Amino acid sequence: MQVWDLVGRIGGQIRVAPSGAILGWDMGAALALARALSIDPAPVAELLPAIEAVMVGKINERIAENANNDLG
């Protein structure tokens, strides 16, 4: 549950491309926050990339849908 709690706290630590596409979380900031919250970094390093991949895909899908809606 601790990694999931961390996910809820790192929402503002997102890397964004100049195009507006979401690249992912700032993992350095995520691991620093995990340490500050006394969360073991091993499961964070193991699980966060998989969660990040889903987050990036879903947000970028929404960005593309909104761009298509604005065009049509």
Foldseek 3Di string as FASTA:
>chain_A
DLLVVLVVVQPVQWDADPVRQTDWGPVVVSLVVCVVVVHPVPVNVVPVVVVRVVVRVVVNVVVVVVVVVVVD
